[in-house]
Every structure is written in structure tokens, then in C-alpha cells.
Protein backbone atom coordinates (compact mmCIF):
# COMPACT_ATOMS: atom_id res chain seq x y z
CA UNK A 1 -63.62 -23.81 144.29
CA UNK A 2 -62.28 -20.52 143.52
CA UNK A 3 -59.01 -20.02 141.41
CA UNK A 4 -56.67 -17.43 142.91
CA UNK A 5 -54.97 -14.90 140.31
CA UNK A 6 -51.73 -16.53 140.53
CA UNK A 7 -52.69 -19.96 139.95
CA UNK A 8 -55.01 -18.86 137.01
CA UNK A 9 -51.93 -16.78 135.41
CA UNK A 10 -49.65 -19.71 136.02
CA UNK A 11 -51.98 -22.35 134.49
CA UNK A 12 -52.79 -20.04 131.52
CA UNK A 13 -49.15 -19.63 130.82
CA UNK A 14 -48.25 -23.11 130.75
CA UNK A 15 -51.38 -23.83 128.43
CA UNK A 16 -50.37 -21.17 126.16
CA UNK A 17 -46.70 -22.53 126.21
CA UNK A 18 -48.10 -25.88 125.17
CA UNK A 19 -50.12 -24.40 122.28
CA UNK A 20 -47.48 -22.19 120.85
CA UNK A 21 -44.36 -24.63 121.53
CA UNK A 22 -42.70 -26.27 118.47
CA UNK A 23 -43.57 -29.77 118.19
CA UNK A 24 -40.66 -32.31 119.10
CA UNK A 25 -40.53 -33.67 115.74
CA UNK A 26 -40.42 -30.32 114.18
CA UNK A 27 -36.97 -29.47 112.57
CA UNK A 28 -35.41 -26.01 111.69
CA UNK A 29 -35.35 -25.42 107.86
CA UNK A 30 -33.17 -23.48 105.81
CA UNK A 31 -33.20 -22.92 102.02
CA UNK A 32 -30.00 -23.08 100.01
CA UNK A 33 -29.99 -19.36 99.19
CA UNK A 34 -30.08 -18.45 102.95
CA UNK A 35 -26.77 -20.38 103.86
CA UNK A 36 -24.74 -17.37 102.60
CA UNK A 37 -24.76 -13.78 103.83
CA UNK A 38 -22.43 -12.76 100.89
CA UNK A 39 -20.74 -14.92 98.14
CA UNK A 40 -17.81 -15.37 100.33
CA UNK A 41 -19.57 -15.31 104.01
CA UNK A 42 -21.88 -17.83 105.49
CA UNK A 43 -25.32 -16.50 107.05
CA UNK A 44 -25.53 -15.99 110.91
CA UNK A 45 -28.43 -18.74 110.66
CA UNK A 46 -26.10 -21.01 108.88
CA UNK A 47 -23.43 -20.66 111.41
CA UNK A 48 -25.66 -21.07 114.22
CA UNK A 49 -27.19 -24.32 112.73
CA UNK A 50 -23.58 -25.73 111.78
CA UNK A 51 -22.32 -24.70 115.75
CA UNK A 52 -25.40 -26.49 117.28
CA UNK A 53 -24.97 -29.74 115.27
CA UNK A 54 -28.88 -30.07 115.37
CA UNK A 55 -30.67 -32.00 112.55
CA UNK A 56 -31.90 -29.53 110.03
CA UNK A 57 -34.18 -29.56 106.83
CA UNK A 58 -32.80 -28.23 103.51
CA UNK A 59 -35.38 -28.27 100.62
CA UNK A 60 -33.97 -28.58 96.95
CA UNK A 61 -33.11 -30.87 93.98
CA UNK A 62 -30.95 -33.76 93.60
CA UNK A 63 -28.44 -33.28 90.82
CA UNK A 64 -27.68 -36.17 88.64
CA UNK A 65 -25.17 -38.74 90.25
CA UNK A 66 -21.44 -38.74 89.55
CA UNK A 67 -21.44 -42.54 89.77
CA UNK A 68 -23.83 -45.51 90.63
CA UNK A 69 -23.92 -46.69 94.00
CA UNK A 70 -22.89 -43.80 95.82
CA UNK A 71 -23.66 -42.65 99.38
CA UNK A 72 -23.72 -38.97 98.62
CA UNK A 73 -25.19 -36.65 96.09
CA UNK A 74 -25.18 -32.74 95.33
CA UNK A 75 -28.33 -30.86 96.60
CA UNK A 76 -29.24 -27.99 94.22
CA UNK A 77 -31.29 -24.98 94.72
CA UNK A 78 -33.07 -25.20 91.53
CA UNK A 79 -33.28 -28.41 88.84
CA UNK A 80 -29.98 -28.93 86.95
CA UNK A 81 -29.74 -31.78 84.28
CA UNK A 82 -25.93 -31.82 84.77
CA UNK A 83 -24.09 -32.02 88.11
CA UNK A 84 -22.60 -28.79 88.99
CA UNK A 85 -19.90 -30.21 91.34
CA UNK A 86 -16.60 -28.37 91.06
CA UNK A 87 -12.94 -29.49 91.83
CA UNK A 88 -12.09 -26.77 94.15
CA UNK A 89 -13.73 -25.00 96.88
CA UNK A 90 -12.61 -21.65 95.14
CA UNK A 91 -15.15 -22.40 92.61
CA UNK A 92 -17.75 -23.69 94.89
CA UNK A 93 -21.07 -22.28 93.71
CA UNK A 94 -23.20 -20.94 96.51
CA UNK A 95 -26.47 -22.77 95.39
CA UNK A 96 -25.37 -26.29 95.88
CA UNK A 97 -24.80 -28.42 99.02
CA UNK A 98 -22.59 -31.88 99.33
CA UNK A 99 -24.73 -34.41 100.89
CA UNK A 100 -23.26 -37.56 102.75
CA UNK A 101 -25.72 -40.23 103.53
CA UNK A 102 -25.14 -43.57 105.44
CA UNK A 103 -26.44 -45.82 102.74
CA UNK A 104 -26.49 -46.17 99.07
CA UNK A 105 -28.70 -43.13 97.38
CA UNK A 106 -31.38 -44.16 94.93
CA UNK A 107 -31.10 -41.32 92.28
CA UNK A 108 -34.48 -39.06 92.15
CA UNK A 109 -35.16 -37.27 88.80
CA UNK A 110 -33.31 -33.98 88.70
CA UNK A 111 -36.57 -32.05 88.60
CA UNK A 112 -38.29 -33.80 91.58
CA UNK A 113 -38.12 -31.49 94.87
CA UNK A 114 -36.94 -33.39 97.71
CA UNK A 115 -36.62 -32.57 101.44
CA UNK A 116 -32.95 -33.38 103.01
CA UNK A 117 -32.62 -33.79 106.63
CA UNK A 118 -28.90 -33.67 108.28
CA UNK A 119 -26.47 -32.03 110.08
CA UNK A 120 -24.90 -28.95 108.55
CA UNK A 121 -21.26 -28.51 108.28
CA UNK A 122 -19.43 -25.22 107.06
CA UNK A 123 -16.08 -24.71 105.74
CA UNK A 124 -13.52 -26.11 103.46
CA UNK A 125 -13.20 -30.10 103.57
CA UNK A 126 -12.09 -32.82 101.54
CA UNK A 127 -14.53 -35.84 101.50
CA UNK A 128 -12.09 -39.05 102.27
CA UNK A 129 -13.96 -41.26 100.19
CA UNK A 130 -14.53 -39.36 97.02
CA UNK A 131 -11.92 -36.75 97.28
CA UNK A 132 -14.21 -34.00 96.59
CA UNK A 133 -13.79 -30.51 98.16
CA UNK A 134 -16.69 -28.87 99.45
CA UNK A 135 -17.74 -25.67 101.30
CA UNK A 136 -21.10 -26.59 102.67
CA UNK A 137 -22.23 -30.36 103.64
CA UNK A 138 -25.11 -32.11 105.27
CA UNK A 139 -23.76 -35.27 106.85
CA UNK A 140 -25.60 -38.01 108.37
CA UNK A 141 -28.24 -37.26 105.75
CA UNK A 142 -31.55 -38.57 104.32
CA UNK A 143 -34.09 -37.34 102.12
CA UNK A 144 -37.73 -37.85 100.99
CA UNK A 145 -39.35 -36.92 97.65
CA UNK A 146 -41.86 -34.00 98.06
């Protein structure tokens, strides 16, 4: 059986698409340092993730918990032995993310790297449960120790 040129090209293209396509379980990843373009402006990549409401991965470290039995934590760019959370968004550091989970968080040692997965939200917001004000949040989140 002879395969025509168009059939070959169509088949090859489909095969290459399968080889180079991103697996369905793969998620986009952004580092905390890449959330900001400048100290006061979010990066285009961060804005795109927030607008799409897709689930993304953000690596980092869990800051020491502010209270026991909490369904939130602060994700930091580098290990911190004390919690970096601030009272107002004006003082919000560009190297932390407020993370809201659906269940109580088991604290992880501050120097253990974790991968946090959730939906990115940007802009000033006050968490109803805690009263904390944040500029960057991961919601509906979960994490795993790396």
C-alpha cells in the first residue's frame, strides 16, 4: 500500500503533536520571584494565570504557622524561621504568597521545600476568616513536601 504525501504529512503532524504535547496532568509553574514585574506591578505571566483561573504550581517554603489548626499558611521564596506576614498590603513583601486551603494544614519545617498547587489571585483582598490583607493569594490550594 502506498501512502500519499498529504496522508504522510497529516499523520506525521499528528504524531509530533502527541510527542510534544504537554501531558494533561502537567500544570504551569511560576516561582514567587516571577510574580512581580517591579515591586509595585505584577508580571504579565502572573496576570495571565490569575485571569485564566487555571490551577498552577508555586514552589517555596512554608513559614511557621501563625496559629494552630489553621486552613492557611504563608508561602515564602526562601526559608524563614519567623512568619513574614504583615498587617497591611502597603507593607506586603514581594516574596511571599498567602495560601488558603480547604482543610487544616499540618505544619512543615520552615526549611523543607514544598510545591503548592492552587488558583492564583492578585490584588488587595482581606481574608474574611483571618482578617489578613494580602496582595497575592493561592486559593483552593494544597501542597506536597519535595
